[in-house]
Each structure stands twice: as structure tokens, then as C-alpha cells.
Amino acid sequence: MKPKFPFRNLVPTFFAGLLDDPILLIRSRPDGRHLLFDCGQVHHLAKRTFTHLDAIFISHAHMDHWMGIDSVIRQLIASERTVNIFGPPGLSDRMEHKLSGYDWNLVEDYWCSFHVHEIHQEKIESSIFPGPQGFRRQPGEVLSRNNLNIHQTPYLQVQAETCDHQIASLIFRINESPAYSIDRQKLESLGLVPGPWLGELKKRYLAGKGDSKPLEVLSLQAGGIRPVWIENVAELLEQLIVSRPQRSIGYISDVNFSQENRETILRFMAGVDLLFCECTFLTADKNRARDSDHLCCEDVNHLLKELRPAYFLPMHLSRSYSRRSSELYHELKPPPETRILRIPLQITPRPLLAEEITWQLSL
């Protein structure tokens, strides 16, 4: 049974099993666009999943997080769109090497393009790979990075922070756009009547321009409904606008449990409602986790105790535990308000054996 997440616009789907390469897909309900987080083994995703793909977010370029980009290119090549790819420094070089491994002598004008954005601490540097030009790399813009935001639509915002995995590894936070409503009882007590002016009021609220200029509203008076000018719009906003909690999703894979990483994660992921986090090793194998710069169950329990998300999905368990996966759930000790989501060990198709292939003779 699927959990009832508290999101208005975000529809998350984890397209991997506990032992599979992690793949998180998030659909934006209002516009139907998809965001893909990490891109390891993705051949089992339906083609129509890729046709709605707006952006791809790569934590780091280890094979199990990056090799599926070939399948993405294959599925999108005739889509006549530009797809954004966000990842750590050096990703543009890796994309160039991927694309240069193929012959593109039969290019078409309707081929897709890729816009790769490298996330640095203080800047975002990009390169463009236009399909109609055989994906030859072109320099893109270099933008100053004044905050954690890397991608935004009217319905969501994606943020990124850098952690250490012996290389730079990005962790991501997906926030829904701020939600608000009108206090109808307060509206009535002020003698105001709903109308197009509420739309203007909402625009000013989102733009933070409550004091910019007077606002014409509709007021219920003895002689009927009449337009009235409100000078103190900021006060009206405070009286009528009711803010709702801003819901968010966190994604962590792969990082070590250094003091610096821990502080970054706790600061960056504070208040997330749904957390996807690697849990690669059992606690008894903490030394293996430290040697390979991954998290173990004890580390994850520490993070859960501090973050207290409503939902938590452990992922990316080492395949050495394929027959001991149940121990993971015994070791995880989340706080009472956190519900653990369980997934199958694997959901990717089993490879076929030679004896399973049938032949037919046509006489």
C-alpha cells in the first residue's frame, strides 16, 4: 500500500530495489514534468517516463549513478527538446566523453540537446551539447551562486549541497513552492467580498510587495458591494493570508560520516518530510563503511534522530547482504514519528539465460 505523502505537487517514485542502483523520479503534478535523481541502471524505465523528463540530477559520476545516461540519450534523441543535467564539477567533461564515443554522422534537426550544469560552491558553470550539431560541446553561461537553489519551476525548487565521498558528491533537497490560502472567516469579518482583487493580493504576497501601492478591494456596505482602496496592503496580507507548511524531499547518496558531512546534512535536510538516504552497511561493518566512504545503520540512526522526517526510505544496501537484508530493518531505529518505507530487494528484470531464448523455423 502506498503511503499518503503530505505533498500537494510532488509525486515521488523510487524506481529501484534495495540492492539496485538508486533512481528517484519525482513528477510535478500540475505540469506533468519529471525530475530524475541519479542515473545508474535505468533500462527498465518506460519510454514515456523519459518523454516528460525535464531535468536530471547526478550526485556523482560513479558507474552506479551515471552509466544510465546512455539509455537516457537513446530514449530522448528524437524528442526535439533540451534536457538539463545538474551534477558535480567535471560532469561536462564526462558527458563529452560519453557522446564522443559514438558516431553522429546521420544527425537530424529534430534531435534533442543537453544542457549540463556543474555545481560549484560559488558558481554554476554550464556546457551545451546540441543534437542537431552532432552533440559538439559549446560553452554555456557561468552564473554566480548566491544560494543553494539550482533549479526552479512555479511548483518546486531543487537545492544542492556538496558532501565528501573522496570526490565531490551532491545531496539534493526538493521543496514545494510555498502554499497559502485565504482566511474566509477573516475576510467576512472585515466586510470584504471575494473578487479578482484576491488574485492581485496573492501576487503581491508571492512577490513580497505588500507595501508597494494601494489595492482596490470589494467591500460589503449598506448600499451594496462597492470598491474601496486599501492603503496598508501589508496589514491586509497579514490578516488574510494563511501560510501552509512548505513540504520537502531529501536525497542523500553517497557520502561518508565525517563531522563536516554530518553538519552539512543536518543543516541542509532540517525539516524534510520524506528522506531517501543510502544505508550501505550494517553497523557491524562500520569499518567497511569508513573505508569506502559510505554510511552504516548506526550513522543513519544518528541522522534520523536529529532530522525526524515523517517518512524514511533506506536505499543502496551493499549487495553483500543479499541474503541478510532483513537485518537492515532490525538495526534501523528511527524516532517514533518516522515511518520506514520498505522496498523489494530488486525490481530490475533478471537477465535472460541462453536456454530461455526460443527459436522458430519458417518453412
Protein backbone atom coordinates (compact mmCIF):
# COMPACT_ATOMS: atom_id res chain seq x y z
CA MET A 1 0.00 0.00 0.00
CA LYS A 2 1.37 3.39 -0.99
CA PRO A 3 1.78 5.89 1.84
CA LYS A 4 -0.21 9.11 1.76
CA PHE A 5 2.51 11.70 1.50
CA PRO A 6 1.70 15.28 2.54
CA PHE A 7 2.69 16.80 -0.81
CA ARG A 8 0.40 18.93 -2.97
CA ASN A 9 2.51 18.96 -6.14
CA LEU A 10 5.27 16.36 -5.71
CA VAL A 11 4.73 12.69 -6.63
CA PRO A 12 7.88 10.67 -5.75
CA THR A 13 8.55 7.19 -7.13
CA PHE A 14 11.63 5.15 -6.25
CA PHE A 15 12.43 3.09 -9.35
CA ALA A 16 14.89 0.74 -7.68
CA GLY A 17 15.06 -2.08 -5.19
CA LEU A 18 17.08 -2.08 -2.01
CA LEU A 19 20.12 -3.56 -3.81
CA ASP A 20 19.65 -1.80 -7.16
CA ASP A 21 21.31 1.38 -8.36
CA PRO A 22 19.28 4.20 -6.76
CA ILE A 23 16.85 6.04 -9.06
CA LEU A 24 14.37 8.58 -7.72
CA LEU A 25 11.76 10.03 -10.08
CA ILE A 26 9.66 13.00 -8.98
CA ARG A 27 6.64 14.07 -11.02
CA SER A 28 5.35 17.60 -10.71
CA ARG A 29 1.60 17.08 -10.60
CA PRO A 30 0.45 20.47 -12.04
CA ASP A 31 2.58 20.37 -15.21
CA GLY A 32 3.37 16.65 -15.50
CA ARG A 33 7.13 17.21 -15.78
CA HIS A 34 9.60 14.67 -14.35
CA LEU A 35 12.84 15.09 -12.41
CA LEU A 36 15.30 12.17 -12.26
CA PHE A 37 17.79 11.83 -9.40
CA ASP A 38 20.78 9.63 -10.26
CA CYS A 39 21.03 7.58 -13.38
CA GLY A 40 22.60 4.16 -12.92
CA GLN A 41 20.73 1.18 -14.33
CA VAL A 42 17.63 2.73 -15.95
CA HIS A 43 16.77 0.45 -18.87
CA HIS A 44 13.65 -0.79 -17.06
CA LEU A 45 12.00 2.65 -17.08
CA ALA A 46 9.21 3.03 -19.64
CA LYS A 47 9.93 5.31 -22.60
CA ARG A 48 7.06 7.65 -21.72
CA THR A 49 8.81 8.30 -18.39
CA PHE A 50 11.67 9.88 -20.34
CA THR A 51 9.41 11.86 -22.71
CA HIS A 52 8.28 14.00 -19.76
CA LEU A 53 11.79 14.37 -18.35
CA ASP A 54 12.67 17.97 -17.54
CA ALA A 55 15.95 17.63 -15.66
CA ILE A 56 18.42 15.03 -14.36
CA PHE A 57 20.36 15.43 -11.11
CA ILE A 58 23.55 13.40 -10.68
CA SER A 59 25.07 13.05 -7.21
CA HIS A 60 28.45 11.92 -8.56
CA ALA A 61 29.84 10.08 -11.57
CA HIS A 62 30.49 6.62 -10.15
CA MET A 63 29.17 3.98 -12.53
CA ASP A 64 26.11 3.05 -10.47
CA HIS A 65 24.92 6.66 -10.51
CA TRP A 66 25.88 7.72 -14.03
CA MET A 67 26.14 4.86 -16.54
CA GLY A 68 22.42 5.01 -17.43
CA ILE A 69 22.88 8.32 -19.22
CA ASP A 70 23.46 6.28 -22.40
CA SER A 71 19.94 4.85 -22.10
CA VAL A 72 18.57 8.34 -21.49
CA ILE A 73 20.29 9.65 -24.64
CA ARG A 74 18.88 6.72 -26.62
CA GLN A 75 15.32 7.36 -25.42
CA LEU A 76 15.39 11.14 -25.84
CA ILE A 77 17.39 11.56 -29.02
CA ALA A 78 14.34 12.26 -31.22
CA SER A 79 12.47 14.38 -28.67
CA GLU A 80 13.49 17.80 -30.08
CA ARG A 81 13.95 19.18 -26.56
CA THR A 82 16.73 20.48 -24.36
CA VAL A 83 17.19 18.48 -21.17
CA ASN A 84 19.03 19.98 -18.21
CA ILE A 85 21.58 17.85 -16.34
CA PHE A 86 22.92 19.01 -12.97
CA GLY A 87 25.92 17.45 -11.28
CA PRO A 88 29.33 17.99 -9.63
CA PRO A 89 32.36 19.66 -11.24
CA GLY A 90 33.76 17.68 -14.15
CA LEU A 91 30.39 16.33 -15.34
CA SER A 92 30.56 18.25 -18.65
CA ASP A 93 33.85 16.51 -19.49
CA ARG A 94 32.29 13.16 -18.70
CA MET A 95 29.24 13.94 -20.84
CA GLU A 96 31.53 14.97 -23.69
CA HIS A 97 33.44 11.68 -23.43
CA LYS A 98 30.17 9.72 -23.39
CA LEU A 99 28.86 11.43 -26.51
CA SER A 100 32.17 11.31 -28.36
CA GLY A 101 32.15 7.53 -28.06
CA TYR A 102 29.51 7.31 -30.80
CA ASP A 103 29.37 8.31 -34.48
CA TRP A 104 26.92 11.14 -35.18
CA ASN A 105 27.25 11.43 -38.96
CA LEU A 106 23.48 10.97 -39.51
CA VAL A 107 22.26 13.87 -37.35
CA GLU A 108 18.75 15.30 -37.71
CA ASP A 109 17.39 18.76 -36.97
CA TYR A 110 14.83 17.33 -34.53
CA TRP A 111 17.39 15.70 -32.25
CA CYS A 112 17.47 16.69 -28.59
CA SER A 113 20.14 18.74 -26.84
CA PHE A 114 21.65 18.52 -23.37
CA HIS A 115 22.50 21.45 -21.10
CA VAL A 116 24.95 20.29 -18.42
CA HIS A 117 25.32 22.42 -15.29
CA GLU A 118 28.31 21.85 -12.98
CA ILE A 119 27.54 22.82 -9.38
CA HIS A 120 30.45 24.52 -7.63
CA GLN A 121 30.33 26.14 -4.21
CA GLU A 122 30.27 29.69 -5.57
CA LYS A 123 29.20 29.28 -9.20
CA ILE A 124 27.27 27.16 -11.71
CA GLU A 125 29.20 26.56 -14.93
CA SER A 126 27.47 25.01 -17.92
CA SER A 127 28.08 23.45 -21.33
CA ILE A 128 25.61 22.78 -24.15
CA PHE A 129 25.56 19.67 -26.35
CA PRO A 130 23.22 20.38 -29.33
CA GLY A 131 21.95 17.24 -31.06
CA PRO A 132 21.45 18.86 -34.48
CA GLN A 133 25.19 19.65 -34.43
CA GLY A 134 26.28 16.13 -33.55
CA PHE A 135 26.44 16.97 -29.82
CA ARG A 136 29.61 19.02 -30.25
CA ARG A 137 30.24 20.77 -26.97
CA GLN A 138 29.64 24.50 -26.74
CA PRO A 139 30.39 26.76 -23.77
CA GLY A 140 27.40 27.91 -21.77
CA GLU A 141 26.95 30.59 -19.15
CA VAL A 142 28.75 30.92 -15.82
CA LEU A 143 26.40 32.08 -13.07
CA SER A 144 27.28 33.25 -9.60
CA ARG A 145 25.77 31.04 -6.93
CA ASN A 146 24.29 33.19 -4.19
CA ASN A 147 22.19 30.48 -2.54
CA LEU A 148 21.53 26.74 -2.59
CA ASN A 149 18.99 26.83 -5.44
CA ILE A 150 19.99 25.16 -8.71
CA HIS A 151 16.64 24.58 -10.47
CA GLN A 152 13.21 26.14 -10.05
CA THR A 153 9.73 25.98 -11.58
CA PRO A 154 6.47 27.62 -10.45
CA TYR A 155 5.74 24.47 -8.44
CA LEU A 156 9.06 23.33 -6.94
CA GLN A 157 12.61 24.25 -6.12
CA VAL A 158 15.68 21.98 -6.19
CA GLN A 159 18.62 22.79 -3.94
CA ALA A 160 22.04 21.14 -3.73
CA GLU A 161 24.87 20.89 -1.22
CA THR A 162 28.29 19.29 -1.65
CA CYS A 163 29.47 16.46 0.60
CA ASP A 164 32.62 14.35 0.54
CA HIS A 165 32.85 10.82 -0.90
CA GLN A 166 36.57 11.04 -1.62
CA ILE A 167 35.18 13.08 -4.53
CA ALA A 168 32.51 15.76 -4.53
CA SER A 169 29.08 14.16 -4.08
CA LEU A 170 25.94 16.27 -4.25
CA ILE A 171 22.95 15.81 -1.96
CA PHE A 172 19.61 17.26 -3.03
CA ARG A 173 16.55 18.81 -1.44
CA ILE A 174 13.30 19.29 -3.38
CA ASN A 175 10.94 21.88 -1.91
CA GLU A 176 7.38 22.51 -2.95
CA SER A 177 6.59 26.15 -3.71
CA PRO A 178 5.14 27.99 -0.70
CA ALA A 179 1.47 27.24 -0.13
CA TYR A 180 -1.08 29.65 1.26
CA SER A 181 -4.82 30.18 1.47
CA ILE A 182 -7.27 32.98 2.24
CA ASP A 183 -8.86 33.09 5.70
CA ARG A 184 -12.51 33.21 4.63
CA GLN A 185 -13.81 33.91 8.11
CA LYS A 186 -11.46 36.87 8.47
CA LEU A 187 -12.48 38.05 5.00
CA GLU A 188 -16.12 38.06 6.06
CA SER A 189 -15.41 39.74 9.40
CA LEU A 190 -13.66 42.59 7.57
CA GLY A 191 -16.71 43.04 5.36
CA LEU A 192 -14.78 42.17 2.21
CA VAL A 193 -16.19 40.32 -0.80
CA PRO A 194 -14.16 37.84 -2.90
CA GLY A 195 -13.27 39.02 -6.39
CA PRO A 196 -10.41 39.44 -8.88
CA TRP A 197 -8.63 41.62 -6.32
CA LEU A 198 -7.72 38.46 -4.35
CA GLY A 199 -5.59 37.34 -7.28
CA GLU A 200 -3.67 40.60 -7.17
CA LEU A 201 -3.29 40.25 -3.41
CA LYS A 202 -1.79 36.76 -3.86
CA LYS A 203 0.63 38.05 -6.49
CA ARG A 204 1.87 40.72 -4.12
CA TYR A 205 2.22 38.16 -1.36
CA LEU A 206 4.40 35.90 -3.53
CA ALA A 207 6.45 38.87 -4.76
CA GLY A 208 6.80 40.34 -1.27
CA LYS A 209 5.34 43.65 -2.42
CA GLY A 210 2.67 44.28 0.19
CA ASP A 211 3.62 47.93 0.66
CA SER A 212 4.20 48.82 -2.98
CA LYS A 213 0.93 50.62 -3.71
CA PRO A 214 -2.74 50.78 -2.61
CA LEU A 215 -5.08 47.96 -3.59
CA GLU A 216 -8.68 48.28 -4.73
CA VAL A 217 -10.89 45.71 -2.98
CA LEU A 218 -14.63 44.97 -2.84
CA SER A 219 -16.40 45.93 0.38
CA LEU A 220 -19.90 44.98 1.52
CA GLN A 221 -21.65 48.15 2.68
CA ALA A 222 -25.20 49.27 3.38
CA GLY A 223 -25.70 50.33 -0.20
CA GLY A 224 -24.31 47.07 -1.59
CA ILE A 225 -20.89 46.00 -2.84
CA ARG A 226 -18.57 48.89 -3.51
CA PRO A 227 -14.89 49.25 -4.46
CA VAL A 228 -12.66 50.57 -1.67
CA TRP A 229 -8.97 51.45 -1.72
CA ILE A 230 -6.76 49.84 0.92
CA GLU A 231 -3.61 51.80 1.70
CA ASN A 232 -1.94 49.41 4.15
CA VAL A 233 -1.77 46.29 1.98
CA ALA A 234 0.88 44.71 4.22
CA GLU A 235 -1.55 44.69 7.14
CA LEU A 236 -4.27 43.22 4.91
CA LEU A 237 -1.90 40.44 3.86
CA GLU A 238 -1.11 39.65 7.48
CA GLN A 239 -4.82 39.42 8.27
CA LEU A 240 -5.97 37.35 5.28
CA ILE A 241 -3.09 35.12 4.13
CA VAL A 242 -2.67 31.80 5.93
CA SER A 243 0.64 30.08 5.15
CA ARG A 244 0.83 26.28 4.97
CA PRO A 245 3.91 24.21 5.80
CA GLN A 246 6.37 24.01 2.92
CA ARG A 247 6.83 20.29 2.20
CA SER A 248 10.13 18.85 1.03
CA ILE A 249 12.02 15.70 -0.02
CA GLY A 250 15.67 14.92 0.75
CA TYR A 251 18.03 12.68 -1.26
CA ILE A 252 21.42 11.52 0.09
CA SER A 253 23.75 9.16 -1.83
CA ASP A 254 26.79 8.60 -1.39
CA VAL A 255 28.65 10.30 1.48
CA ASN A 256 30.95 9.47 4.36
CA PHE A 257 30.14 10.19 8.00
CA SER A 258 32.73 12.87 8.63
CA GLN A 259 31.95 15.67 11.05
CA GLU A 260 31.76 18.15 8.17
CA ASN A 261 29.35 15.97 6.17
CA ARG A 262 27.19 15.37 9.24
CA GLU A 263 26.90 19.09 9.93
CA THR A 264 26.10 19.80 6.28
CA ILE A 265 23.40 17.11 6.15
CA LEU A 266 21.71 18.17 9.40
CA ARG A 267 21.66 21.81 8.36
CA PHE A 268 20.58 21.19 4.77
CA MET A 269 17.98 18.49 5.44
CA ALA A 270 16.35 20.05 8.51
CA GLY A 271 12.58 19.74 8.31
CA VAL A 272 12.34 17.37 5.33
CA ASP A 273 9.13 15.31 5.22
CA LEU A 274 10.45 12.38 3.16
CA LEU A 275 14.09 11.32 3.26
CA PHE A 276 15.81 8.97 0.80
CA CYS A 277 19.20 8.03 2.22
CA GLU A 278 21.82 5.42 1.48
CA CYS A 279 22.30 2.77 4.14
CA THR A 280 25.06 0.74 2.56
CA PHE A 281 26.43 -1.28 5.50
CA LEU A 282 25.21 -2.86 8.71
CA THR A 283 26.65 -1.48 11.92
CA ALA A 284 28.97 -4.47 12.44
CA ASP A 285 30.69 -3.45 9.20
CA LYS A 286 31.25 0.17 10.22
CA ASN A 287 34.93 -0.14 9.29
CA ARG A 288 33.96 -1.15 5.75
CA ALA A 289 31.70 1.90 5.62
CA ARG A 290 34.54 4.14 6.73
CA ASP A 291 37.00 2.62 4.24
CA SER A 292 34.59 3.08 1.31
CA ASP A 293 33.15 6.44 2.45
CA HIS A 294 29.59 5.19 2.89
CA LEU A 295 27.05 5.22 5.72
CA CYS A 296 26.17 2.32 8.02
CA CYS A 297 22.99 1.80 10.04
CA GLU A 298 24.43 3.46 13.13
CA ASP A 299 25.21 6.60 11.11
CA VAL A 300 21.73 6.67 9.59
CA ASN A 301 20.10 6.23 13.02
CA HIS A 302 22.05 9.25 14.22
CA LEU A 303 20.79 11.34 11.30
CA LEU A 304 17.19 10.17 11.76
CA LYS A 305 17.28 11.05 15.45
CA GLU A 306 18.23 14.62 14.56
CA LEU A 307 16.17 15.13 11.39
CA ARG A 308 12.98 13.26 12.40
CA PRO A 309 11.39 13.06 8.92
CA ALA A 310 7.82 11.80 8.65
CA TYR A 311 8.95 9.10 6.16
CA PHE A 312 12.32 7.45 5.54
CA LEU A 313 13.33 5.11 2.71
CA PRO A 314 16.70 3.32 3.13
CA MET A 315 18.42 2.53 -0.17
CA HIS A 316 21.64 1.40 -1.83
CA LEU A 317 22.30 -1.54 0.53
CA SER A 318 25.51 -3.40 -0.33
CA ARG A 319 24.87 -6.48 -2.44
CA SER A 320 26.97 -8.48 0.01
CA TYR A 321 23.81 -8.52 2.17
CA SER A 322 21.53 -10.04 -0.47
CA ARG A 323 20.64 -12.88 1.94
CA ARG A 324 20.72 -10.74 5.08
CA SER A 325 18.67 -7.74 4.04
CA SER A 326 16.15 -8.23 6.88
CA GLU A 327 18.89 -7.30 9.34
CA LEU A 328 18.87 -3.78 7.96
CA TYR A 329 15.33 -3.12 9.17
CA HIS A 330 16.12 -4.62 12.58
CA GLU A 331 19.05 -2.27 13.01
CA LEU A 332 17.27 0.90 11.90
CA LYS A 333 15.84 2.68 14.95
CA PRO A 334 14.03 5.81 13.77
CA PRO A 335 12.21 8.14 16.20
CA PRO A 336 8.54 7.27 16.86
CA GLU A 337 7.19 9.84 14.39
CA THR A 338 9.25 8.46 11.48
CA ARG A 339 7.78 5.67 9.33
CA ILE A 340 10.19 3.41 7.44
CA LEU A 341 9.27 2.59 3.84
CA ARG A 342 10.22 -0.90 2.67
CA ILE A 343 11.02 -1.81 -0.91
CA PRO A 344 11.83 -5.14 -2.62
CA LEU A 345 15.44 -6.27 -2.84
CA GLN A 346 15.46 -5.81 -6.61
CA ILE A 347 12.96 -4.62 -9.18
CA THR A 348 15.16 -4.63 -12.27
CA PRO A 349 14.46 -7.52 -14.66
CA ARG A 350 16.50 -10.68 -14.25
CA PRO A 351 18.91 -11.23 -17.20
CA LEU A 352 17.86 -13.99 -19.60
CA LEU A 353 19.74 -17.25 -19.94
CA ALA A 354 20.60 -18.72 -23.33
CA GLU A 355 18.25 -21.68 -22.82
CA GLU A 356 15.35 -19.31 -22.27
CA ILE A 357 15.51 -17.92 -25.80
CA THR A 358 13.10 -19.63 -28.21
CA TRP A 359 13.57 -20.04 -31.97
CA GLN A 360 11.10 -20.65 -34.70
CA LEU A 361 11.71 -22.00 -38.19
CA SER A 362 9.76 -20.55 -41.08
CA LEU A 363 9.18 -23.25 -43.69
